Amino acid sequence: MLLIGDTKKRQQADIEQAKAFLEDHRRRART
């Protein structure tokens, strides 16, 4: 169970990073 929870946290962190990366890319593309 601990491993599953850890994996979910990692996936969530990866998703947050991806969102931030996409937002940053969009901002740069607009400018």
PDB file of N, CA and C in Angstrom:
ATOM      1  N   MET A   1       0.839  -1.209   0.000  1.00  0.00           N
ATOM      2  CA  MET A   1       0.000   0.000   0.000  1.00  0.00           C
ATOM      3  C   MET A   1       0.876   1.263   0.000  1.00  0.00           C
ATOM      4  N   LEU A   2       1.943   1.200   0.749  1.00  0.00           N
ATOM      5  CA  LEU A   2       2.825   2.367   0.802  1.00  0.00           C
ATOM      6  C   LEU A   2       3.393   2.680  -0.580  1.00  0.00           C
ATOM      7  N   LEU A   3       3.800   1.632  -1.290  1.00  0.00           N
ATOM      8  CA  LEU A   3       4.372   1.848  -2.622  1.00  0.00           C
ATOM      9  C   LEU A   3       3.349   2.479  -3.557  1.00  0.00           C
ATOM     10  N   ILE A   4       2.108   1.996  -3.480  1.00  0.00           N
ATOM     11  CA  ILE A   4       1.055   2.532  -4.352  1.00  0.00           C
ATOM     12  C   ILE A   4       0.838   4.019  -4.050  1.00  0.00           C
ATOM     13  N   GLY A   5       0.779   4.353  -2.768  1.00  0.00           N
ATOM     14  CA  GLY A   5       0.583   5.753  -2.393  1.00  0.00           C
ATOM     15  C   GLY A   5       1.742   6.609  -2.875  1.00  0.00           C
ATOM     16  N   ASP A   6       2.958   6.073  -2.750  1.00  0.00           N
ATOM     17  CA  ASP A   6       4.133   6.820  -3.190  1.00  0.00           C
ATOM     18  C   ASP A   6       4.081   7.038  -4.698  1.00  0.00           C
ATOM     19  N   THR A   7       3.656   6.016  -5.419  1.00  0.00           N
ATOM     20  CA  THR A   7       3.572   6.132  -6.875  1.00  0.00           C
ATOM     21  C   THR A   7       2.546   7.189  -7.261  1.00  0.00           C
ATOM     22  N   LYS A   8       1.424   7.203  -6.562  1.00  0.00           N
ATOM     23  CA  LYS A   8       0.383   8.194  -6.866  1.00  0.00           C
ATOM     24  C   LYS A   8       0.923   9.595  -6.626  1.00  0.00           C
ATOM     25  N   LYS A   9       1.650   9.768  -5.535  1.00  0.00           N
ATOM     26  CA  LYS A   9       2.209  11.091  -5.235  1.00  0.00           C
ATOM     27  C   LYS A   9       3.181  11.506  -6.329  1.00  0.00           C
ATOM     28  N   ARG A  10       3.988  10.547  -6.785  1.00  0.00           N
ATOM     29  CA  ARG A  10       4.960  10.861  -7.845  1.00  0.00           C
ATOM     30  C   ARG A  10       4.225  11.233  -9.121  1.00  0.00           C
ATOM     31  N   GLN A  11       3.175  10.484  -9.452  1.00  0.00           N
ATOM     32  CA  GLN A  11       2.407  10.777 -10.668  1.00  0.00           C
ATOM     33  C   GLN A  11       1.802  12.174 -10.567  1.00  0.00           C
ATOM     34  N   GLN A  12       1.265  12.509  -9.394  1.00  0.00           N
ATOM     35  CA  GLN A  12       0.666  13.823  -9.199  1.00  0.00           C
ATOM     36  C   GLN A  12       1.714  14.911  -9.394  1.00  0.00           C
ATOM     37  N   ALA A  13       2.903  14.681  -8.841  1.00  0.00           N
ATOM     38  CA  ALA A  13       3.983  15.663  -8.965  1.00  0.00           C
ATOM     39  C   ALA A  13       4.374  15.811 -10.432  1.00  0.00           C
ATOM     40  N   ASP A  14       4.433  14.697 -11.151  1.00  0.00           N
ATOM     41  CA  ASP A  14       4.783  14.740 -12.574  1.00  0.00           C
ATOM     42  C   ASP A  14       3.734  15.530 -13.349  1.00  0.00           C
ATOM     43  N   ILE A  15       2.463  15.320 -12.999  1.00  0.00           N
ATOM     44  CA  ILE A  15       1.378  16.034 -13.682  1.00  0.00           C
ATOM     45  C   ILE A  15       1.500  17.533 -13.424  1.00  0.00           C
ATOM     46  N   GLU A  16       1.778  17.898 -12.169  1.00  0.00           N
ATOM     47  CA  GLU A  16       1.923  19.315 -11.825  1.00  0.00           C
ATOM     48  C   GLU A  16       3.085  19.920 -12.611  1.00  0.00           C
ATOM     49  N   GLN A  17       4.182  19.185 -12.701  1.00  0.00           N
ATOM     50  CA  GLN A  17       5.349  19.675 -13.445  1.00  0.00           C
ATOM     51  C   GLN A  17       4.992  19.855 -14.913  1.00  0.00           C
ATOM     52  N   ALA A  18       4.277  18.891 -15.457  1.00  0.00           N
ATOM     53  CA  ALA A  18       3.895  18.955 -16.868  1.00  0.00           C
ATOM     54  C   ALA A  18       2.996  20.162 -17.122  1.00  0.00           C
ATOM     55  N   LYS A  19       2.051  20.398 -16.221  1.00  0.00           N
ATOM     56  CA  LYS A  19       1.141  21.545 -16.373  1.00  0.00           C
ATOM     57  C   LYS A  19       1.932  22.844 -16.355  1.00  0.00           C
ATOM     58  N   ALA A  20       2.846  22.966 -15.389  1.00  0.00           N
ATOM     59  CA  ALA A  20       3.650  24.186 -15.271  1.00  0.00           C
ATOM     60  C   ALA A  20       4.501  24.364 -16.526  1.00  0.00           C
ATOM     61  N   PHE A  21       5.050  23.252 -17.033  1.00  0.00           N
ATOM     62  CA  PHE A  21       5.886  23.308 -18.236  1.00  0.00           C
ATOM     63  C   PHE A  21       5.064  23.787 -19.431  1.00  0.00           C
ATOM     64  N   LEU A  22       3.856  23.249 -19.580  1.00  0.00           N
ATOM     65  CA  LEU A  22       2.997  23.632 -20.704  1.00  0.00           C
ATOM     66  C   LEU A  22       2.595  25.097 -20.599  1.00  0.00           C
ATOM     67  N   GLU A  23       2.248  25.531 -19.396  1.00  0.00           N
ATOM     68  CA  GLU A  23       1.855  26.930 -19.205  1.00  0.00           C
ATOM     69  C   GLU A  23       3.011  27.854 -19.558  1.00  0.00           C
ATOM     70  N   ASP A  24       4.222  27.488 -19.094  1.00  0.00           N
ATOM     71  CA  ASP A  24       5.399  28.308 -19.385  1.00  0.00           C
ATOM     72  C   ASP A  24       5.651  28.348 -20.891  1.00  0.00           C
ATOM     73  N   HIS A  25       5.490  27.211 -21.545  1.00  0.00           N
ATOM     74  CA  HIS A  25       5.712  27.129 -22.993  1.00  0.00           C
ATOM     75  C   HIS A  25       4.699  28.008 -23.734  1.00  0.00           C
ATOM     76  N   ARG A  26       3.450  27.966 -23.284  1.00  0.00           N
ATOM     77  CA  ARG A  26       2.407  28.772 -23.939  1.00  0.00           C
ATOM     78  C   ARG A  26       2.717  30.253 -23.784  1.00  0.00           C
ATOM     79  N   ARG A  27       3.149  30.643 -22.574  1.00  0.00           N
ATOM     80  CA  ARG A  27       3.460  32.060 -22.340  1.00  0.00           C
ATOM     81  C   ARG A  27       4.583  32.516 -23.262  1.00  0.00           C
ATOM     82  N   ARG A  28       5.616  31.655 -23.400  1.00  0.00           N
ATOM     83  CA  ARG A  28       6.744  32.020 -24.262  1.00  0.00           C
ATOM     84  C   ARG A  28       6.293  32.089 -25.715  1.00  0.00           C
ATOM     85  N   ALA A  29       5.411  31.189 -26.111  1.00  0.00           N
ATOM     86  CA  ALA A  29       4.942  31.147 -27.499  1.00  0.00           C
ATOM     87  C   ALA A  29       4.141  32.414 -27.814  1.00  0.00           C
ATOM     88  N   ARG A  30       3.345  32.867 -26.859  1.00  0.00           N
ATOM     89  CA  ARG A  30       2.525  34.057 -27.081  1.00  0.00           C
ATOM     90  C   ARG A  30       3.400  35.286 -27.259  1.00  0.00           C
ATOM     91  N   THR A  31       4.407  35.427 -26.441  1.00  0.00           N
ATOM     92  CA  THR A  31       5.233  36.643 -26.480  1.00  0.00           C
ATOM     93  C   THR A  31       6.006  36.758 -27.780  1.00  0.00           C
TER      94      THR A  31
END
